[in-house]
Structure formats: C-alpha cells, structure tokens
Amino acid sequence: MSELIIGIIAVVLIFCIGFLVWWVKTSNNFHRMDIKIKEALSGIEVALTNRFDKLTKLFDVAKGFAKHEKETFSQVIALRKGMNVNELNQANAQCDSLMARINAVAEGYPELRSAEMFTELQKGIREAEAHLQAARRLYNSNVTVYNTAIAVFPSSIVANSKHLQKADFFQAEEAKKADVNLKF
C-alpha cells in the first residue's frame, strides 16, 4: 500500500514538474516573440527613416529643377524612434503620397528624369522600398507567430494568464497616383 502511495506521489510530482517546465518554456517563448516583434518594428523605423531621407533628397532635386520653393515637407512627419504601429502606418501613407507627387514632377520635367542625381536617388529609393517591404514582411511574420501562439491551445492558457494582447499588423496604404495634385 505504501508503494502505491509513493508511486502516485511520484507520478503527481513528475506531472507537476513537467507542467512547470512547460509553463516557463511557453512564457519565455512569448518574451522571445515580443522581442522579435520589437526588433522588426525597429527595422521598419530604420527603413522608413532611410526612405524619408532619400525622398527628401529626391524632392530637393525635383524642386530645384522645377524652380518652385513654395512646397515643403510639412506633410511628411519626422520619423522618430518609439512610434507605434499606427503612427508608422500614417508616416508610411504620407511617404507613399509624397512619392507619387515626386513622380508626377519628374514626368513634367523630362530633363529631370535624365539627371544623374535624380536617377541615382530613384535607384536608392527603389532599394529603400525593397528594404521597407522586407522589414514589413518580417514584422508581420513575427506578429503572425505571436498572435497564433496567443490564440491556440495550450499556449493560450499562458497568454491569458499573462493578459497578453494580440499585436497589430503593419499595413501599408498604396498611394492614389491618379489623384496627384501638385501645388508649387
């Protein structure tokens, strides 16, 4: 009889230890996923800052060719670290709109399109766009993994006990290129 009790106690202890190990491992995985999301968001911030810098230079070149100085970059917010996903979405939409406007200026001034500086900046912007798209995909991929782990059983037990919330996806808006209205 005492062997049976010792056996039951041993099984219960093994189960409890196993559950505790699983709980800690799952909790640590949530922390790792959160860190990956923050790192990916930082990558988007870097890519948006790079894009902003290139768009600023390209706009200055376009403005110099067009000889208009009334338009400024007041429509584009300064990208800073610490923006949340919604603020980054807004900044991205403004940059998309600005890019459409710059392209419209280039179409109106053929000598601008042939300028070496303009061509180099356009190449840099294409590279910045590709980097930004990759950063967005990485961020959204990390968010998908995190949100899935929050939603599926049994990790949802840990997520609910820690009051974890689903993360927001980064959503980029396409600029309405047909509705470009330039005012110089």
Protein backbone atom coordinates (compact mmCIF):
# COMPACT_ATOMS: atom_id res chain seq x y z
CA MET A 1 0.00 0.00 0.00
CA SER A 2 2.80 2.46 0.82
CA GLU A 3 4.46 1.62 -2.51
CA LEU A 4 1.23 2.57 -4.28
CA ILE A 5 1.10 5.92 -2.43
CA ILE A 6 4.77 6.58 -3.19
CA GLY A 7 4.11 5.72 -6.86
CA ILE A 8 1.11 8.09 -7.01
CA ILE A 9 3.11 10.87 -5.34
CA ALA A 10 5.98 10.30 -7.80
CA VAL A 11 3.61 10.48 -10.79
CA VAL A 12 1.98 13.66 -9.45
CA LEU A 13 5.42 15.24 -8.82
CA ILE A 14 6.62 14.33 -12.30
CA PHE A 15 3.43 15.78 -13.80
CA CYS A 16 3.75 18.98 -11.75
CA ILE A 17 7.41 19.42 -12.64
CA GLY A 18 6.64 18.77 -16.32
CA PHE A 19 3.80 21.29 -16.23
CA LEU A 20 6.03 23.87 -14.56
CA VAL A 21 8.79 23.34 -17.13
CA TRP A 22 6.23 23.69 -19.96
CA TRP A 23 4.79 26.85 -18.37
CA VAL A 24 8.21 28.51 -18.03
CA LYS A 25 9.23 27.48 -21.54
CA THR A 26 5.99 28.80 -23.05
CA SER A 27 6.27 32.04 -21.06
CA ASN A 28 9.84 32.53 -22.25
CA ASN A 29 8.74 31.88 -25.83
CA PHE A 30 6.23 34.72 -25.54
CA HIS A 31 9.01 37.00 -24.29
CA ARG A 32 11.21 35.97 -27.24
CA MET A 33 8.40 36.61 -29.71
CA ASP A 34 7.76 40.03 -28.18
CA ILE A 35 11.44 40.89 -28.55
CA LYS A 36 11.38 39.77 -32.20
CA ILE A 37 8.34 41.96 -32.86
CA LYS A 38 10.07 44.97 -31.28
CA GLU A 39 13.23 44.28 -33.28
CA ALA A 40 11.23 44.01 -36.51
CA LEU A 41 9.38 47.25 -35.69
CA SER A 42 12.76 48.90 -35.23
CA GLY A 43 13.70 47.60 -38.68
CA ILE A 44 10.63 49.30 -40.13
CA GLU A 45 11.61 52.54 -38.36
CA VAL A 46 15.09 52.34 -39.88
CA ALA A 47 13.68 51.60 -43.34
CA LEU A 48 11.17 54.46 -43.09
CA THR A 49 13.89 56.86 -41.95
CA ASN A 50 16.08 55.79 -44.88
CA ARG A 51 13.14 56.20 -47.24
CA PHE A 52 12.35 59.63 -45.78
CA ASP A 53 15.96 60.76 -46.23
CA LYS A 54 16.03 59.62 -49.85
CA LEU A 55 12.63 61.16 -50.59
CA THR A 56 13.80 64.42 -49.03
CA LYS A 57 16.88 64.48 -51.28
CA LEU A 58 14.88 63.49 -54.34
CA PHE A 59 12.30 66.15 -53.62
CA ASP A 60 15.05 68.77 -53.28
CA VAL A 61 16.43 67.76 -56.68
CA ALA A 62 12.97 67.81 -58.23
CA LYS A 63 12.22 71.16 -56.60
CA GLY A 64 15.47 72.61 -57.92
CA PHE A 65 14.65 71.52 -61.45
CA ALA A 66 11.09 72.82 -61.21
CA LYS A 67 12.29 76.09 -59.62
CA HIS A 68 9.49 76.15 -57.15
CA GLU A 69 10.10 76.69 -53.49
CA LYS A 70 6.61 77.04 -52.05
CA GLU A 71 6.07 73.33 -51.42
CA THR A 72 7.70 71.99 -48.28
CA PHE A 73 7.87 68.71 -46.49
CA SER A 74 5.43 69.82 -43.81
CA GLN A 75 3.16 66.97 -44.94
CA VAL A 76 5.77 64.40 -44.04
CA ILE A 77 6.26 63.85 -40.33
CA ALA A 78 9.75 63.43 -38.96
CA LEU A 79 10.28 59.76 -38.30
CA ARG A 80 11.39 59.11 -34.75
CA LYS A 81 12.09 56.03 -32.73
CA GLY A 82 9.31 54.90 -30.48
CA MET A 83 6.42 55.26 -32.92
CA ASN A 84 3.69 52.70 -32.56
CA VAL A 85 2.39 50.68 -35.50
CA ASN A 86 -0.49 53.07 -36.19
CA GLU A 87 1.87 56.08 -36.29
CA LEU A 88 4.21 54.18 -38.61
CA ASN A 89 1.25 53.32 -40.86
CA GLN A 90 0.39 57.03 -41.07
CA ALA A 91 4.00 58.00 -41.82
CA ASN A 92 4.16 55.32 -44.49
CA ALA A 93 0.97 56.60 -46.13
CA GLN A 94 2.38 60.14 -46.22
CA CYS A 95 5.61 58.90 -47.82
CA ASP A 96 3.59 56.96 -50.41
CA SER A 97 1.67 60.12 -51.26
CA LEU A 98 4.88 62.15 -51.48
CA MET A 99 6.48 59.58 -53.79
CA ALA A 100 3.53 59.83 -56.15
CA ARG A 101 3.88 63.61 -56.20
CA ILE A 102 7.62 63.42 -56.92
CA ASN A 103 6.98 61.02 -59.80
CA ALA A 104 4.43 63.45 -61.21
CA VAL A 105 7.03 66.26 -61.09
CA ALA A 106 9.52 64.02 -62.89
CA GLU A 107 7.02 63.32 -65.64
CA GLY A 108 6.52 67.05 -66.13
CA TYR A 109 10.24 67.77 -66.44
CA PRO A 110 11.97 65.34 -68.85
CA GLU A 111 15.39 66.90 -68.19
CA LEU A 112 14.93 65.98 -64.53
CA ARG A 113 14.45 62.30 -65.32
CA SER A 114 17.71 62.24 -67.23
CA ALA A 115 19.73 63.93 -64.49
CA GLU A 116 22.29 61.60 -62.94
CA MET A 117 21.49 62.68 -59.38
CA PHE A 118 17.79 62.09 -59.91
CA THR A 119 18.45 58.66 -61.42
CA GLU A 120 20.71 57.67 -58.53
CA LEU A 121 18.19 58.85 -55.98
CA GLN A 122 15.40 56.93 -57.70
CA LYS A 123 17.58 53.81 -57.60
CA GLY A 124 18.21 54.42 -53.90
CA ILE A 125 14.51 54.86 -53.26
CA ARG A 126 13.73 51.59 -55.05
CA GLU A 127 16.28 49.89 -52.80
CA ALA A 128 14.81 51.61 -49.74
CA GLU A 129 11.34 50.49 -50.82
CA ALA A 130 12.54 46.89 -51.17
CA HIS A 131 14.16 47.07 -47.73
CA LEU A 132 11.00 48.56 -46.25
CA GLN A 133 8.86 45.82 -47.78
CA ALA A 134 11.19 43.17 -46.35
CA ALA A 135 11.04 44.84 -42.93
CA ARG A 136 7.24 44.93 -43.10
CA ARG A 137 7.09 41.26 -44.05
CA LEU A 138 9.42 40.32 -41.19
CA TYR A 139 7.39 42.34 -38.70
CA ASN A 140 4.08 40.91 -39.89
CA SER A 141 5.53 37.39 -39.88
CA ASN A 142 6.62 37.82 -36.25
CA VAL A 143 3.20 39.25 -35.37
CA THR A 144 1.52 36.25 -37.01
CA VAL A 145 3.57 33.81 -34.96
CA TYR A 146 2.89 35.77 -31.76
CA ASN A 147 -0.84 36.16 -32.40
CA THR A 148 -1.15 32.50 -33.32
CA ALA A 149 0.58 31.45 -30.11
CA ILE A 150 -1.81 33.64 -28.13
CA ALA A 151 -4.82 32.10 -29.85
CA VAL A 152 -4.01 28.37 -29.92
CA PHE A 153 -4.30 25.86 -27.12
CA PRO A 154 -2.38 25.12 -24.88
CA SER A 155 -0.16 28.24 -25.13
CA SER A 156 -3.32 30.36 -24.93
CA ILE A 157 -3.54 29.33 -21.27
CA VAL A 158 -0.24 31.06 -20.53
CA ALA A 159 -1.16 34.04 -22.74
CA ASN A 160 -4.48 34.53 -20.98
CA SER A 161 -2.90 34.27 -17.53
CA LYS A 162 -0.37 36.97 -18.53
CA HIS A 163 -3.14 39.10 -20.14
CA LEU A 164 -1.24 39.18 -23.44
CA GLN A 165 -2.93 41.06 -26.27
CA LYS A 166 -2.64 40.40 -29.97
CA ALA A 167 -0.17 42.69 -31.74
CA ASP A 168 -1.23 44.95 -34.62
CA PHE A 169 -0.06 44.21 -38.15
CA PHE A 170 1.76 46.86 -40.16
CA GLN A 171 -0.49 47.87 -43.03
CA ALA A 172 0.79 49.98 -45.87
CA GLU A 173 -1.55 52.07 -47.98
CA GLU A 174 -0.99 52.40 -51.67
CA ALA A 175 -0.82 56.00 -52.85
CA LYS A 176 -3.61 57.11 -55.12
CA LYS A 177 -1.39 58.01 -58.06
CA ALA A 178 -4.28 59.07 -60.25
CA ASP A 179 -5.27 61.81 -57.83
CA VAL A 180 -1.92 63.58 -57.57
CA ASN A 181 -2.37 67.30 -57.09
CA LEU A 182 0.82 69.32 -57.13
CA LYS A 183 0.82 72.89 -55.90
CA PHE A 184 4.02 74.86 -56.19
